């Protein structure tokens, strides 16, 4: 599995508030030169538009990142059975046909598509977990849950959005946040979008090209929805569909992974540029990534997968 500077909050040091309707521009190097990365934000609460002065995004200023594209112990292994019964809120019990692999930082489902028929959209529901400190792990401890496009076989860019829980140190209380990111540009937390354990979220990422698209992250438990319209992101391959639990990077080091309640990715699917429903990608056929000793994952069916703390 690829670390790829990897995701969110990678040694980010400073914050800056942004409001709806304001276009944020940041110089990034996408491998072919310096381009303008821009986006706008809109939000609603129970269907009513939120005024722009009430929308807050925190831009995280990056420090030293981990090495882009670095592989973290990816290796094939046999599928294993869970001891729990299968069901909508239970882990799969049976051995499954999906390939499995170990990773240093990703735990979940990654479905590889085709460059000749690129991924256009990815979708999932998930519940923000309850997180507790894990003995023997370094601080900060953090776990992020997200859906995204690329970052595995395509290492040049990754577009993703979800939530994260974090303990800064051994005495800190947990911090729960919503966020989005188009790597290699920095991450943005959505500080005006509430996040609490047990809240259900819906994430939809819809690309209009390999360098433009919309991210919609909704807290459906509380009635909030945020849509970020992005232009001039680093070029996506649009070949990887990701439904992932992640152990984030801070500075040049991986965060410790806290314990967390089961995270189910439900109604998880990706659509492609060409073709109807038959060409859509689901969980079956995905690689199930595990973080040895810390996190395991398995599919339940073609639309549902679960990751859980070991």
C-alpha atoms as a PDB file:
ATOM      1  CA  UNK A   1       0.000   0.000   0.000  1.00  0.00           C
ATOM      2  CA  UNK A   2       1.243   3.453  -0.731  1.00  0.00           C
ATOM      3  CA  UNK A   3       1.729   6.031   1.951  1.00  0.00           C
ATOM      4  CA  UNK A   4       1.689   8.870  -0.611  1.00  0.00           C
ATOM      5  CA  UNK A   5       2.440  11.908   1.683  1.00  0.00           C
ATOM      6  CA  UNK A   6      -0.385  10.369   3.044  1.00  0.00           C
ATOM      7  CA  UNK A   7      -3.511  12.094   3.498  1.00  0.00           C
ATOM      8  CA  UNK A   8      -4.644  14.801   5.745  1.00  0.00           C
ATOM      9  CA  UNK A   9      -2.872  16.601   8.561  1.00  0.00           C
ATOM     10  CA  UNK A  10       0.617  15.549   7.480  1.00  0.00           C
ATOM     11  CA  UNK A  11       2.682  17.748   9.829  1.00  0.00           C
ATOM     12  CA  UNK A  12       0.420  20.678   9.165  1.00  0.00           C
ATOM     13  CA  UNK A  13       1.191  23.604  11.410  1.00  0.00           C
ATOM     14  CA  UNK A  14      -1.102  26.603  10.905  1.00  0.00           C
ATOM     15  CA  UNK A  15      -4.785  27.241  10.196  1.00  0.00           C
ATOM     16  CA  UNK A  16      -6.636  29.840   8.172  1.00  0.00           C
ATOM     17  CA  UNK A  17     -10.427  30.391   8.114  1.00  0.00           C
ATOM     18  CA  UNK A  18     -12.156  30.376   4.715  1.00  0.00           C
ATOM     19  CA  UNK A  19     -15.788  31.218   3.925  1.00  0.00           C
ATOM     20  CA  UNK A  20     -18.364  30.085   1.367  1.00  0.00           C
ATOM     21  CA  UNK A  21     -18.075  31.711  -2.036  1.00  0.00           C
ATOM     22  CA  UNK A  22     -14.437  32.678  -1.553  1.00  0.00           C
ATOM     23  CA  UNK A  23     -12.085  31.056  -4.036  1.00  0.00           C
ATOM     24  CA  UNK A  24      -8.974  29.657  -2.428  1.00  0.00           C
ATOM     25  CA  UNK A  25      -5.878  29.459  -4.618  1.00  0.00           C
ATOM     26  CA  UNK A  26      -2.723  27.620  -3.659  1.00  0.00           C
ATOM     27  CA  UNK A  27       0.408  27.025  -5.701  1.00  0.00           C
ATOM     28  CA  UNK A  28       1.113  23.322  -6.046  1.00  0.00           C
ATOM     29  CA  UNK A  29       3.539  21.296  -8.088  1.00  0.00           C
ATOM     30  CA  UNK A  30       1.674  18.562  -9.933  1.00  0.00           C
ATOM     31  CA  UNK A  31       4.749  17.105 -11.573  1.00  0.00           C
ATOM     32  CA  UNK A  32       4.378  19.081 -14.798  1.00  0.00           C
ATOM     33  CA  UNK A  33       4.771  22.590 -13.451  1.00  0.00           C
ATOM     34  CA  UNK A  34       3.211  25.049 -11.043  1.00  0.00           C
ATOM     35  CA  UNK A  35      -0.574  25.418 -11.303  1.00  0.00           C
ATOM     36  CA  UNK A  36      -3.334  27.265  -9.490  1.00  0.00           C
ATOM     37  CA  UNK A  37      -5.370  25.000  -7.207  1.00  0.00           C
ATOM     38  CA  UNK A  38      -8.749  26.663  -6.547  1.00  0.00           C
ATOM     39  CA  UNK A  39     -12.035  25.768  -4.880  1.00  0.00           C
ATOM     40  CA  UNK A  40     -15.315  27.222  -3.641  1.00  0.00           C
ATOM     41  CA  UNK A  41     -17.551  25.983  -0.809  1.00  0.00           C
ATOM     42  CA  UNK A  42     -21.313  25.854  -0.343  1.00  0.00           C
ATOM     43  CA  UNK A  43     -23.226  24.392   2.595  1.00  0.00           C
ATOM     44  CA  UNK A  44     -26.755  23.706   3.794  1.00  0.00           C
ATOM     45  CA  UNK A  45     -28.405  22.876   7.091  1.00  0.00           C
ATOM     46  CA  UNK A  46     -31.613  20.849   6.763  1.00  0.00           C
ATOM     47  CA  UNK A  47     -31.922  22.022   3.186  1.00  0.00           C
ATOM     48  CA  UNK A  48     -31.418  25.727   3.878  1.00  0.00           C
ATOM     49  CA  UNK A  49     -28.344  27.567   2.652  1.00  0.00           C
ATOM     50  CA  UNK A  50     -25.785  28.402   5.320  1.00  0.00           C
ATOM     51  CA  UNK A  51     -24.520  32.022   5.106  1.00  0.00           C
ATOM     52  CA  UNK A  52     -20.945  32.263   3.910  1.00  0.00           C
ATOM     53  CA  UNK A  53     -19.787  33.943   7.113  1.00  0.00           C
ATOM     54  CA  UNK A  54     -20.819  30.845   9.073  1.00  0.00           C
ATOM     55  CA  UNK A  55     -18.755  28.417   6.989  1.00  0.00           C
ATOM     56  CA  UNK A  56     -15.286  27.694   8.334  1.00  0.00           C
ATOM     57  CA  UNK A  57     -12.523  25.666   6.726  1.00  0.00           C
ATOM     58  CA  UNK A  58      -9.084  25.416   8.271  1.00  0.00           C
ATOM     59  CA  UNK A  59      -6.216  25.294   5.846  1.00  0.00           C
ATOM     60  CA  UNK A  60      -3.394  23.223   7.245  1.00  0.00           C
ATOM     61  CA  UNK A  61       0.072  24.536   6.375  1.00  0.00           C
ATOM     62  CA  UNK A  62       2.319  21.592   5.580  1.00  0.00           C
ATOM     63  CA  UNK A  63       5.632  20.874   7.156  1.00  0.00           C
ATOM     64  CA  UNK A  64       7.851  17.969   6.182  1.00  0.00           C
ATOM     65  CA  UNK A  65       5.805  15.187   4.593  1.00  0.00           C
ATOM     66  CA  UNK A  66       6.506  11.503   4.343  1.00  0.00           C
ATOM     67  CA  UNK A  67       8.067  10.228   1.149  1.00  0.00           C
ATOM     68  CA  UNK A  68       5.482  10.287  -1.695  1.00  0.00           C
ATOM     69  CA  UNK A  69       4.777   6.896  -3.196  1.00  0.00           C
ATOM     70  CA  UNK A  70       6.614   4.968  -0.495  1.00  0.00           C
ATOM     71  CA  UNK A  71       5.352   1.397  -0.148  1.00  0.00           C
ATOM     72  CA  UNK A  72       4.702   0.196   3.364  1.00  0.00           C
ATOM     73  CA  UNK A  73       5.157  -3.561   3.493  1.00  0.00           C
ATOM     74  CA  UNK A  74       2.581  -4.544   0.870  1.00  0.00           C
ATOM     75  CA  UNK A  75       2.370  -8.302   0.668  1.00  0.00           C
ATOM     76  CA  UNK A  76      -0.213 -10.856  -0.426  1.00  0.00           C
ATOM     77  CA  UNK A  77      -1.655 -13.110   2.213  1.00  0.00           C
ATOM     78  CA  UNK A  78      -4.425 -15.637   2.627  1.00  0.00           C
ATOM     79  CA  UNK A  79      -7.917 -14.519   3.533  1.00  0.00           C
ATOM     80  CA  UNK A  80      -8.935 -15.265   7.095  1.00  0.00           C
ATOM     81  CA  UNK A  81     -12.279 -15.819   8.791  1.00  0.00           C
ATOM     82  CA  UNK A  82     -13.803 -13.603  11.433  1.00  0.00           C
ATOM     83  CA  UNK A  83     -15.307 -15.154  14.542  1.00  0.00           C
ATOM     84  CA  UNK A  84     -18.446 -13.035  14.264  1.00  0.00           C
ATOM     85  CA  UNK A  85     -21.694 -13.689  12.399  1.00  0.00           C
ATOM     86  CA  UNK A  86     -22.282 -11.795   9.165  1.00  0.00           C
ATOM     87  CA  UNK A  87     -24.982  -9.139   9.101  1.00  0.00           C
ATOM     88  CA  UNK A  88     -25.640  -5.460   8.558  1.00  0.00           C
ATOM     89  CA  UNK A  89     -23.897  -4.516  11.819  1.00  0.00           C
ATOM     90  CA  UNK A  90     -21.674  -7.564  12.245  1.00  0.00           C
ATOM     91  CA  UNK A  91     -18.402  -8.605  10.703  1.00  0.00           C
ATOM     92  CA  UNK A  92     -18.372 -11.204   7.934  1.00  0.00           C
ATOM     93  CA  UNK A  93     -17.795 -14.715   9.184  1.00  0.00           C
ATOM     94  CA  UNK A  94     -17.044 -16.565   5.992  1.00  0.00           C
ATOM     95  CA  UNK A  95     -13.803 -16.584   4.043  1.00  0.00           C
ATOM     96  CA  UNK A  96     -14.218 -14.329   1.030  1.00  0.00           C
ATOM     97  CA  UNK A  97     -12.798 -14.384  -2.499  1.00  0.00           C
ATOM     98  CA  UNK A  98     -11.252 -10.933  -2.388  1.00  0.00           C
ATOM     99  CA  UNK A  99      -7.461 -10.695  -2.358  1.00  0.00           C
ATOM    100  CA  UNK A 100      -5.882  -9.465   0.879  1.00  0.00           C
ATOM    101  CA  UNK A 101      -2.693  -7.515   1.553  1.00  0.00           C
ATOM    102  CA  UNK A 102      -0.943  -5.878   4.484  1.00  0.00           C
ATOM    103  CA  UNK A 103      -0.208  -2.167   4.736  1.00  0.00           C
ATOM    104  CA  UNK A 104       1.497   0.126   7.182  1.00  0.00           C
ATOM    105  CA  UNK A 105      -1.232   2.757   7.110  1.00  0.00           C
ATOM    106  CA  UNK A 106      -4.381   1.780   5.113  1.00  0.00           C
ATOM    107  CA  UNK A 107      -7.061  -0.657   6.300  1.00  0.00           C
ATOM    108  CA  UNK A 108     -10.059  -1.188   4.040  1.00  0.00           C
ATOM    109  CA  UNK A 109     -11.112  -1.863   0.458  1.00  0.00           C
ATOM    110  CA  UNK A 110      -9.301  -0.681  -2.673  1.00  0.00           C
ATOM    111  CA  UNK A 111     -10.816  -1.540  -6.056  1.00  0.00           C
ATOM    112  CA  UNK A 112      -8.667  -1.005  -9.113  1.00  0.00           C
ATOM    113  CA  UNK A 113     -10.378   0.085 -12.317  1.00  0.00           C
ATOM    114  CA  UNK A 114      -9.167   0.534 -15.889  1.00  0.00           C
ATOM    115  CA  UNK A 115      -7.341   3.472 -17.430  1.00  0.00           C
ATOM    116  CA  UNK A 116      -9.451   2.975 -20.566  1.00  0.00           C
ATOM    117  CA  UNK A 117     -12.662   3.551 -18.606  1.00  0.00           C
ATOM    118  CA  UNK A 118     -11.802   5.857 -15.743  1.00  0.00           C
ATOM    119  CA  UNK A 119     -13.595   6.207 -12.411  1.00  0.00           C
ATOM    120  CA  UNK A 120     -15.867   9.237 -12.378  1.00  0.00           C
ATOM    121  CA  UNK A 121     -17.580   9.047  -8.976  1.00  0.00           C
ATOM    122  CA  UNK A 122     -17.189   7.299  -5.631  1.00  0.00           C
ATOM    123  CA  UNK A 123     -19.815   7.061  -2.873  1.00  0.00           C
ATOM    124  CA  UNK A 124     -20.280   5.635   0.616  1.00  0.00           C
ATOM    125  CA  UNK A 125     -22.090   6.006   3.917  1.00  0.00           C
ATOM    126  CA  UNK A 126     -20.172   5.440   7.152  1.00  0.00           C
ATOM    127  CA  UNK A 127     -20.612   6.065  10.872  1.00  0.00           C
ATOM    128  CA  UNK A 128     -18.012   8.120  12.706  1.00  0.00           C
ATOM    129  CA  UNK A 129     -16.483   5.769  15.293  1.00  0.00           C
ATOM    130  CA  UNK A 130     -15.950   5.998  19.016  1.00  0.00           C
ATOM    131  CA  UNK A 131     -12.188   6.212  19.596  1.00  0.00           C
ATOM    132  CA  UNK A 132     -10.185   5.363  22.718  1.00  0.00           C
ATOM    133  CA  UNK A 133      -6.461   5.549  23.453  1.00  0.00           C
ATOM    134  CA  UNK A 134      -4.438   2.432  22.731  1.00  0.00           C
ATOM    135  CA  UNK A 135      -1.739   1.397  25.182  1.00  0.00           C
ATOM    136  CA  UNK A 136       1.712   0.996  23.687  1.00  0.00           C
ATOM    137  CA  UNK A 137       1.082   3.370  20.748  1.00  0.00           C
ATOM    138  CA  UNK A 138       2.910   6.648  20.313  1.00  0.00           C
ATOM    139  CA  UNK A 139       1.210  10.057  20.221  1.00  0.00           C
ATOM    140  CA  UNK A 140      -0.466  11.637  18.456  1.00  0.00           C
ATOM    141  CA  UNK A 141      -2.935   8.779  17.995  1.00  0.00           C
ATOM    142  CA  UNK A 142      -5.378   9.195  15.126  1.00  0.00           C
ATOM    143  CA  UNK A 143      -7.662   7.241  12.823  1.00  0.00           C
ATOM    144  CA  UNK A 144      -9.345   8.609   9.697  1.00  0.00           C
ATOM    145  CA  UNK A 145     -12.183   7.079   7.703  1.00  0.00           C
ATOM    146  CA  UNK A 146     -12.726   8.198   4.133  1.00  0.00           C
ATOM    147  CA  UNK A 147     -13.630   7.460   0.540  1.00  0.00           C
ATOM    148  CA  UNK A 148     -11.417   8.605  -2.299  1.00  0.00           C
ATOM    149  CA  UNK A 149     -10.076   8.193  -5.811  1.00  0.00           C
ATOM    150  CA  UNK A 150      -6.466   7.081  -6.514  1.00  0.00           C
ATOM    151  CA  UNK A 151      -3.437   6.990  -4.190  1.00  0.00           C
ATOM    152  CA  UNK A 152      -2.757   3.250  -4.595  1.00  0.00           C
ATOM    153  CA  UNK A 153      -1.717   2.165  -8.084  1.00  0.00           C
ATOM    154  CA  UNK A 154      -1.837   5.831  -9.121  1.00  0.00           C
ATOM    155  CA  UNK A 155       0.628   7.631  -6.884  1.00  0.00           C
ATOM    156  CA  UNK A 156       0.592  11.104  -8.432  1.00  0.00           C
ATOM    157  CA  UNK A 157      -2.606  12.388  -6.812  1.00  0.00           C
ATOM    158  CA  UNK A 158      -5.404  11.422  -4.433  1.00  0.00           C
ATOM    159  CA  UNK A 159      -8.805  13.079  -3.891  1.00  0.00           C
ATOM    160  CA  UNK A 160     -10.459  12.069  -0.602  1.00  0.00           C
ATOM    161  CA  UNK A 161     -12.866  13.172   2.125  1.00  0.00           C
ATOM    162  CA  UNK A 162     -14.097  11.873   5.464  1.00  0.00           C
ATOM    163  CA  UNK A 163     -13.692  12.267   9.219  1.00  0.00           C
ATOM    164  CA  UNK A 164     -10.895  11.778  11.745  1.00  0.00           C
ATOM    165  CA  UNK A 165     -10.574  11.315  15.498  1.00  0.00           C
ATOM    166  CA  UNK A 166      -7.295  12.299  17.172  1.00  0.00           C
ATOM    167  CA  UNK A 167      -5.599  12.330  20.572  1.00  0.00           C
ATOM    168  CA  UNK A 168      -2.740  14.838  20.612  1.00  0.00           C
ATOM    169  CA  UNK A 169      -1.108  13.353  23.710  1.00  0.00           C
ATOM    170  CA  UNK A 170      -1.768  10.945  26.559  1.00  0.00           C
ATOM    171  CA  UNK A 171      -3.771  13.483  28.567  1.00  0.00           C
ATOM    172  CA  UNK A 172      -5.736  14.965  25.663  1.00  0.00           C
ATOM    173  CA  UNK A 173      -9.413  14.411  25.024  1.00  0.00           C
ATOM    174  CA  UNK A 174     -10.443  13.146  21.600  1.00  0.00           C
ATOM    175  CA  UNK A 175     -10.903  15.645  18.778  1.00  0.00           C
ATOM    176  CA  UNK A 176     -13.409  14.698  16.027  1.00  0.00           C
ATOM    177  CA  UNK A 177     -13.194  16.541  12.698  1.00  0.00           C
ATOM    178  CA  UNK A 178     -14.408  16.490   9.095  1.00  0.00           C
ATOM    179  CA  UNK A 179     -11.915  17.089   6.282  1.00  0.00           C
ATOM    180  CA  UNK A 180     -11.126  16.847   2.569  1.00  0.00           C
ATOM    181  CA  UNK A 181      -7.938  16.876   0.526  1.00  0.00           C
ATOM    182  CA  UNK A 182      -6.642  16.773  -3.027  1.00  0.00           C
ATOM    183  CA  UNK A 183      -3.075  15.554  -2.665  1.00  0.00           C
ATOM    184  CA  UNK A 184      -0.378  16.719  -3.082  1.00  0.00           C
ATOM    185  CA  UNK A 185      -2.054  19.948  -1.935  1.00  0.00           C
ATOM    186  CA  UNK A 186      -2.690  20.269   1.797  1.00  0.00           C
ATOM    187  CA  UNK A 187      -5.763  19.186   3.741  1.00  0.00           C
ATOM    188  CA  UNK A 188      -8.688  21.298   4.911  1.00  0.00           C
ATOM    189  CA  UNK A 189     -10.685  20.555   8.013  1.00  0.00           C
ATOM    190  CA  UNK A 190     -14.311  21.710   7.953  1.00  0.00           C
ATOM    191  CA  UNK A 191     -14.559  23.156  11.436  1.00  0.00           C
ATOM    192  CA  UNK A 192     -18.161  24.323  11.002  1.00  0.00           C
ATOM    193  CA  UNK A 193     -19.342  20.785  10.175  1.00  0.00           C
ATOM    194  CA  UNK A 194     -20.103  18.997  13.469  1.00  0.00           C
ATOM    195  CA  UNK A 195     -18.719  15.497  14.043  1.00  0.00           C
ATOM    196  CA  UNK A 196     -19.572  13.220  16.962  1.00  0.00           C
ATOM    197  CA  UNK A 197     -19.248   9.468  17.601  1.00  0.00           C
ATOM    198  CA  UNK A 198     -22.234   7.681  16.096  1.00  0.00           C
ATOM    199  CA  UNK A 199     -23.007  10.358  13.483  1.00  0.00           C
ATOM    200  CA  UNK A 200     -23.722   8.974  10.006  1.00  0.00           C
ATOM    201  CA  UNK A 201     -21.908  10.592   7.091  1.00  0.00           C
ATOM    202  CA  UNK A 202     -22.375  10.396   3.343  1.00  0.00           C
ATOM    203  CA  UNK A 203     -19.431  11.156   1.071  1.00  0.00           C
ATOM    204  CA  UNK A 204     -19.680  11.596  -2.704  1.00  0.00           C
ATOM    205  CA  UNK A 205     -16.750  12.579  -4.891  1.00  0.00           C
ATOM    206  CA  UNK A 206     -17.742  13.362  -8.481  1.00  0.00           C
ATOM    207  CA  UNK A 207     -14.974  14.241 -10.925  1.00  0.00           C
ATOM    208  CA  UNK A 208     -15.735  16.227 -14.059  1.00  0.00           C
ATOM    209  CA  UNK A 209     -12.202  15.677 -15.404  1.00  0.00           C
ATOM    210  CA  UNK A 210      -8.942  14.344 -14.042  1.00  0.00           C
ATOM    211  CA  UNK A 211      -8.227  17.805 -12.604  1.00  0.00           C
ATOM    212  CA  UNK A 212     -11.661  19.040 -11.479  1.00  0.00           C
ATOM    213  CA  UNK A 213     -14.622  17.813  -9.467  1.00  0.00           C
ATOM    214  CA  UNK A 214     -16.941  18.144  -6.477  1.00  0.00           C
ATOM    215  CA  UNK A 215     -16.633  16.720  -2.981  1.00  0.00           C
ATOM    216  CA  UNK A 216     -19.862  16.481  -0.972  1.00  0.00           C
ATOM    217  CA  UNK A 217     -19.582  15.509   2.695  1.00  0.00           C
ATOM    218  CA  UNK A 218     -22.831  15.373   4.658  1.00  0.00           C
ATOM    219  CA  UNK A 219     -23.543  14.702   8.317  1.00  0.00           C
ATOM    220  CA  UNK A 220     -26.938  13.117   7.690  1.00  0.00           C
ATOM    221  CA  UNK A 221     -27.525  12.575  11.413  1.00  0.00           C
ATOM    222  CA  UNK A 222     -27.480  16.325  12.027  1.00  0.00           C
ATOM    223  CA  UNK A 223     -28.660  17.648   8.644  1.00  0.00           C
ATOM    224  CA  UNK A 224     -25.509  19.374   7.372  1.00  0.00           C
ATOM    225  CA  UNK A 225     -24.097  19.072   3.846  1.00  0.00           C
ATOM    226  CA  UNK A 226     -20.940  20.704   2.461  1.00  0.00           C
ATOM    227  CA  UNK A 227     -20.004  20.782  -1.224  1.00  0.00           C
ATOM    228  CA  UNK A 228     -16.524  21.801  -2.350  1.00  0.00           C
ATOM    229  CA  UNK A 229     -16.097  22.538  -6.070  1.00  0.00           C
ATOM    230  CA  UNK A 230     -12.451  22.179  -7.076  1.00  0.00           C
ATOM    231  CA  UNK A 231     -10.459  23.163 -10.161  1.00  0.00           C
ATOM    232  CA  UNK A 232      -6.862  22.580 -11.238  1.00  0.00           C
ATOM    233  CA  UNK A 233      -6.037  19.765  -8.846  1.00  0.00           C
ATOM    234  CA  UNK A 234      -3.058  17.522  -9.539  1.00  0.00           C
ATOM    235  CA  UNK A 235      -3.850  15.097 -12.369  1.00  0.00           C
ATOM    236  CA  UNK A 236      -5.746  12.005 -11.216  1.00  0.00           C
ATOM    237  CA  UNK A 237      -5.438   8.673 -12.966  1.00  0.00           C
ATOM    238  CA  UNK A 238      -9.000   7.854 -11.814  1.00  0.00           C
ATOM    239  CA  UNK A 239      -8.097   4.171 -11.567  1.00  0.00           C
ATOM    240  CA  UNK A 240      -8.388   3.440  -7.796  1.00  0.00           C
ATOM    241  CA  UNK A 241     -11.622   3.416  -5.777  1.00  0.00           C
ATOM    242  CA  UNK A 242     -10.860   3.571  -2.021  1.00  0.00           C
ATOM    243  CA  UNK A 243     -12.986   2.951   1.094  1.00  0.00           C
ATOM    244  CA  UNK A 244     -10.371   3.172   3.813  1.00  0.00           C
ATOM    245  CA  UNK A 245      -9.551   3.480   7.498  1.00  0.00           C
ATOM    246  CA  UNK A 246      -6.195   5.250   7.751  1.00  0.00           C
ATOM    247  CA  UNK A 247      -3.411   5.711  10.229  1.00  0.00           C
ATOM    248  CA  UNK A 248      -2.395   9.263   9.237  1.00  0.00           C
ATOM    249  CA  UNK A 249       1.073  10.745   8.927  1.00  0.00           C
ATOM    250  CA  UNK A 250       2.245  13.652  11.073  1.00  0.00           C
ATOM    251  CA  UNK A 251       5.598  15.086  10.077  1.00  0.00           C
ATOM    252  CA  UNK A 252       7.614  12.168   8.733  1.00  0.00           C
ATOM    253  CA  UNK A 253       6.106   9.614  11.139  1.00  0.00           C
ATOM    254  CA  UNK A 254       2.918   7.598  11.239  1.00  0.00           C
ATOM    255  CA  UNK A 255       0.535   8.427  14.061  1.00  0.00           C
ATOM    256  CA  UNK A 256      -0.239   5.809  16.639  1.00  0.00           C
ATOM    257  CA  UNK A 257      -3.523   4.051  15.907  1.00  0.00           C
ATOM    258  CA  UNK A 258      -6.129   4.289  18.684  1.00  0.00           C
ATOM    259  CA  UNK A 259      -8.813   1.693  19.230  1.00  0.00           C
ATOM    260  CA  UNK A 260     -12.070   2.461  17.422  1.00  0.00           C
ATOM    261  CA  UNK A 261     -15.533   0.995  17.017  1.00  0.00           C
ATOM    262  CA  UNK A 262     -16.326  -0.890  13.802  1.00  0.00           C
ATOM    263  CA  UNK A 263     -16.616   1.281  10.703  1.00  0.00           C
ATOM    264  CA  UNK A 264     -18.978  -0.002   7.998  1.00  0.00           C
ATOM    265  CA  UNK A 265     -18.788   1.481   4.518  1.00  0.00           C
ATOM    266  CA  UNK A 266     -22.341   1.032   3.245  1.00  0.00           C
ATOM    267  CA  UNK A 267     -23.753   1.519  -0.257  1.00  0.00           C
ATOM    268  CA  UNK A 268     -20.137   1.775  -1.343  1.00  0.00           C
ATOM    269  CA  UNK A 269     -19.755   1.986  -5.108  1.00  0.00           C
ATOM    270  CA  UNK A 270     -17.871   3.780  -7.861  1.00  0.00           C
ATOM    271  CA  UNK A 271     -19.163   4.695 -11.308  1.00  0.00           C
ATOM    272  CA  UNK A 272     -17.091   5.020 -14.451  1.00  0.00           C
ATOM    273  CA  UNK A 273     -17.044   7.525 -17.292  1.00  0.00           C
ATOM    274  CA  UNK A 274     -18.325   5.083 -19.904  1.00  0.00           C
ATOM    275  CA  UNK A 275     -21.072   2.507 -19.481  1.00  0.00           C
ATOM    276  CA  UNK A 276     -24.176   1.975 -17.383  1.00  0.00           C
ATOM    277  CA  UNK A 277     -24.698   0.237 -14.012  1.00  0.00           C
ATOM    278  CA  UNK A 278     -23.059  -2.959 -15.263  1.00  0.00           C
ATOM    279  CA  UNK A 279     -19.741  -1.110 -15.488  1.00  0.00           C
ATOM    280  CA  UNK A 280     -19.909   0.170 -11.908  1.00  0.00           C
ATOM    281  CA  UNK A 281     -17.330  -0.933  -9.348  1.00  0.00           C
ATOM    282  CA  UNK A 282     -18.233  -2.304  -5.924  1.00  0.00           C
ATOM    283  CA  UNK A 283     -16.563  -3.988  -2.993  1.00  0.00           C
ATOM    284  CA  UNK A 284     -16.311  -7.464  -4.511  1.00  0.00           C
ATOM    285  CA  UNK A 285     -13.007  -7.748  -6.332  1.00  0.00           C
ATOM    286  CA  UNK A 286     -11.366  -5.145  -4.101  1.00  0.00           C
ATOM    287  CA  UNK A 287      -8.115  -5.798  -2.281  1.00  0.00           C
ATOM    288  CA  UNK A 288      -8.815  -5.971   1.448  1.00  0.00           C
ATOM    289  CA  UNK A 289      -5.987  -4.126   3.196  1.00  0.00           C
ATOM    290  CA  UNK A 290      -4.990  -4.890   6.780  1.00  0.00           C
ATOM    291  CA  UNK A 291      -2.628  -3.135   9.212  1.00  0.00           C
ATOM    292  CA  UNK A 292      -1.039  -6.121  10.979  1.00  0.00           C
ATOM    293  CA  UNK A 293      -1.799  -6.211  14.688  1.00  0.00           C
ATOM    294  CA  UNK A 294      -3.839  -2.995  14.589  1.00  0.00           C
ATOM    295  CA  UNK A 295      -6.693  -3.147  12.051  1.00  0.00           C
ATOM    296  CA  UNK A 296      -8.478  -5.717   9.858  1.00  0.00           C
ATOM    297  CA  UNK A 297     -11.063  -5.409   7.087  1.00  0.00           C
ATOM    298  CA  UNK A 298     -13.420  -7.621   5.114  1.00  0.00           C
ATOM    299  CA  UNK A 299     -16.250  -7.309   2.618  1.00  0.00           C
ATOM    300  CA  UNK A 300     -19.790  -8.368   3.436  1.00  0.00           C
ATOM    301  CA  UNK A 301     -21.248  -8.044  -0.057  1.00  0.00           C
ATOM    302  CA  UNK A 302     -20.774  -5.863  -3.133  1.00  0.00           C
ATOM    303  CA  UNK A 303     -21.950  -2.676  -1.372  1.00  0.00           C
ATOM    304  CA  UNK A 304     -20.836  -3.182   2.225  1.00  0.00           C
ATOM    305  CA  UNK A 305     -17.444  -3.598   3.881  1.00  0.00           C
ATOM    306  CA  UNK A 306     -16.170  -3.244   7.437  1.00  0.00           C
ATOM    307  CA  UNK A 307     -12.908  -2.279   9.096  1.00  0.00           C
ATOM    308  CA  UNK A 308     -12.311  -2.970  12.775  1.00  0.00           C
ATOM    309  CA  UNK A 309      -9.725  -2.404  15.471  1.00  0.00           C
ATOM    310  CA  UNK A 310      -7.596  -5.360  16.592  1.00  0.00           C
END
